[in-house]
């Protein structure tokens, strides 16, 4: 929790294998504090655009944040562990599929999910703002989430 009782915000970005495709990476960047960056393994063909614009940049992060390619179950457990220390995380995203991808990752089987605290989501449609265009490494979830955070903070 932040001072004054307001929820800590976590700015979310994901990369995935084309529209409705498998999750490839996920980043949560808080207002302040430790960032989370996960990359997932995949099988099958990649969307040509994703293969050219996303895959080469998955590991373009500081060495301490490079993620091994995780299976979905391990990625879900790491996400749950990361959020466990915050009783009411506020997840902020500028694209609806980012929220959908995070929620799908929480599911670990039919009718079951990893244990997470009560989550609140805030969707901010930012007309005229592109995280990728403002990112240090476009189409890398961590750098795009940082760009989203920086933009939102600049508006406050």
Protein backbone atom coordinates (compact mmCIF):
# COMPACT_ATOMS: atom_id res chain seq x y z
CA UNK A 1 0.00 0.00 0.00
CA UNK A 2 1.09 3.53 -0.68
CA UNK A 3 1.06 6.31 1.89
CA UNK A 4 -2.40 7.66 2.50
CA UNK A 5 -4.04 4.30 1.90
CA UNK A 6 -4.24 4.49 -1.91
CA UNK A 7 -3.57 1.24 -3.74
CA UNK A 8 -0.21 0.67 -5.37
CA UNK A 9 -0.61 0.70 -9.14
CA UNK A 10 1.00 -1.89 -11.36
CA UNK A 11 1.28 -0.88 -15.01
CA UNK A 12 0.71 -3.89 -17.25
CA UNK A 13 1.86 -4.79 -20.71
CA UNK A 14 1.92 -8.13 -22.49
CA UNK A 15 3.14 -9.52 -25.77
CA UNK A 16 1.31 -12.40 -27.40
CA UNK A 17 1.31 -14.40 -30.61
CA UNK A 18 -1.04 -12.31 -32.72
CA UNK A 19 -4.66 -11.45 -32.05
CA UNK A 20 -6.02 -13.88 -29.44
CA UNK A 21 -2.74 -15.79 -29.48
CA UNK A 22 -0.66 -17.36 -26.75
CA UNK A 23 0.95 -15.15 -24.12
CA UNK A 24 4.68 -14.67 -24.77
CA UNK A 25 5.63 -12.12 -22.10
CA UNK A 26 4.09 -10.13 -19.28
CA UNK A 27 5.38 -7.18 -17.28
CA UNK A 28 4.08 -5.38 -14.22
CA UNK A 29 5.78 -2.11 -13.35
CA UNK A 30 4.65 -0.58 -10.05
CA UNK A 31 4.55 3.11 -9.17
CA UNK A 32 7.71 2.27 -7.28
CA UNK A 33 9.34 -0.96 -6.25
CA UNK A 34 10.28 -4.26 -7.82
CA UNK A 35 9.22 -4.93 -11.40
CA UNK A 36 8.00 -8.28 -12.70
CA UNK A 37 8.94 -9.56 -16.14
CA UNK A 38 8.02 -13.05 -17.33
CA UNK A 39 8.59 -14.76 -20.66
CA UNK A 40 6.74 -17.91 -21.58
CA UNK A 41 7.62 -20.82 -23.79
CA UNK A 42 5.55 -21.49 -26.86
CA UNK A 43 5.02 -24.16 -29.42
CA UNK A 44 3.82 -23.94 -32.97
CA UNK A 45 4.15 -21.28 -35.58
CA UNK A 46 4.59 -17.64 -34.71
CA UNK A 47 2.69 -14.84 -36.36
CA UNK A 48 5.19 -13.34 -38.86
CA UNK A 49 4.84 -9.84 -37.37
CA UNK A 50 5.45 -11.20 -33.85
CA UNK A 51 8.43 -13.22 -35.04
CA UNK A 52 10.01 -10.06 -36.48
CA UNK A 53 8.98 -7.38 -33.95
CA UNK A 54 8.60 -9.17 -30.58
CA UNK A 55 10.67 -12.36 -30.33
CA UNK A 56 14.10 -10.73 -30.98
CA UNK A 57 13.49 -8.31 -28.09
CA UNK A 58 12.17 -10.64 -25.37
CA UNK A 59 15.49 -10.61 -23.49
CA UNK A 60 16.30 -6.92 -24.06
CA UNK A 61 16.12 -6.17 -20.34
CA UNK A 62 18.68 -5.88 -17.57
CA UNK A 63 20.37 -9.17 -16.74
CA UNK A 64 18.62 -9.36 -13.38
CA UNK A 65 15.20 -9.33 -15.10
CA UNK A 66 15.90 -11.76 -17.94
CA UNK A 67 13.34 -14.53 -17.58
CA UNK A 68 13.79 -18.13 -18.61
CA UNK A 69 11.00 -19.32 -20.91
CA UNK A 70 8.44 -20.52 -18.39
CA UNK A 71 5.55 -22.87 -18.84
CA UNK A 72 2.14 -21.35 -18.03
CA UNK A 73 1.88 -23.02 -14.62
CA UNK A 74 5.26 -21.69 -13.46
CA UNK A 75 4.51 -18.21 -14.86
CA UNK A 76 1.16 -18.19 -13.03
CA UNK A 77 2.83 -19.20 -9.75
CA UNK A 78 5.45 -16.45 -10.11
CA UNK A 79 2.75 -13.89 -10.86
CA UNK A 80 0.75 -15.01 -7.82
CA UNK A 81 3.86 -14.85 -5.62
CA UNK A 82 4.69 -11.35 -6.90
CA UNK A 83 1.19 -10.05 -6.11
CA UNK A 84 0.86 -11.88 -2.77
CA UNK A 85 2.54 -9.12 -0.77
CA UNK A 86 -0.04 -6.51 -1.75
CA UNK A 87 -3.57 -6.92 -0.33
CA UNK A 88 -5.26 -4.82 -3.05
CA UNK A 89 -3.17 -4.39 -6.21
CA UNK A 90 -4.49 -2.02 -8.85
CA UNK A 91 -3.57 -3.22 -12.35
CA UNK A 92 -3.50 -0.45 -14.98
CA UNK A 93 -3.48 -1.17 -18.71
CA UNK A 94 -4.08 0.77 -21.90
CA UNK A 95 -5.13 -2.22 -23.99
CA UNK A 96 -7.97 -4.66 -23.12
CA UNK A 97 -6.15 -7.77 -24.31
CA UNK A 98 -3.37 -7.12 -21.78
CA UNK A 99 -5.97 -7.48 -19.02
CA UNK A 100 -7.44 -10.56 -20.68
CA UNK A 101 -4.00 -12.19 -21.01
CA UNK A 102 -3.18 -11.59 -17.33
CA UNK A 103 -6.52 -13.04 -16.26
CA UNK A 104 -6.12 -16.10 -18.48
CA UNK A 105 -2.69 -16.72 -16.96
CA UNK A 106 -4.30 -16.93 -13.51
CA UNK A 107 -6.28 -20.01 -14.61
CA UNK A 108 -4.45 -23.27 -14.02
CA UNK A 109 -7.13 -25.74 -15.02
CA UNK A 110 -10.88 -26.19 -15.41
CA UNK A 111 -12.49 -24.37 -12.51
CA UNK A 112 -9.17 -23.63 -10.75
CA UNK A 113 -6.82 -20.69 -10.51
CA UNK A 114 -3.69 -19.62 -8.68
CA UNK A 115 -4.31 -17.81 -5.41
CA UNK A 116 -4.04 -14.04 -5.74
CA UNK A 117 -5.31 -11.15 -3.64
CA UNK A 118 -8.38 -9.22 -4.71
CA UNK A 119 -7.38 -7.50 -7.95
CA UNK A 120 -8.74 -4.27 -9.34
CA UNK A 121 -8.25 -3.42 -13.00
CA UNK A 122 -8.25 0.04 -14.54
CA UNK A 123 -8.45 0.26 -18.30
CA UNK A 124 -7.14 3.59 -19.59
CA UNK A 125 -7.82 4.06 -23.30
CA UNK A 126 -5.11 6.59 -24.12
CA UNK A 127 -6.12 8.01 -27.49
CA UNK A 128 -3.10 9.29 -29.34
CA UNK A 129 -0.57 7.56 -27.06
CA UNK A 130 1.34 4.45 -28.08
CA UNK A 131 3.39 2.56 -25.51
CA UNK A 132 5.53 1.07 -28.28
CA UNK A 133 6.21 4.47 -29.86
CA UNK A 134 7.31 5.80 -26.47
CA UNK A 135 9.16 2.71 -25.32
CA UNK A 136 12.93 2.37 -25.01
CA UNK A 137 12.56 -1.09 -26.63
CA UNK A 138 9.28 -1.20 -28.60
CA UNK A 139 7.22 -4.38 -28.25
CA UNK A 140 9.11 -5.55 -25.18
CA UNK A 141 6.49 -5.86 -22.43
CA UNK A 142 8.76 -4.50 -19.69
CA UNK A 143 9.83 -1.41 -21.60
CA UNK A 144 6.29 -0.80 -22.86
CA UNK A 145 4.90 -1.07 -19.30
CA UNK A 146 7.51 1.44 -18.15
CA UNK A 147 6.46 3.79 -20.97
CA UNK A 148 2.83 3.46 -19.87
CA UNK A 149 3.76 4.21 -16.26
CA UNK A 150 5.86 7.22 -17.24
CA UNK A 151 3.08 8.60 -19.44
CA UNK A 152 0.39 8.20 -16.77
CA UNK A 153 2.64 9.78 -14.14
CA UNK A 154 3.32 12.71 -16.48
CA UNK A 155 -0.43 13.37 -16.68
CA UNK A 156 -0.82 13.61 -12.89
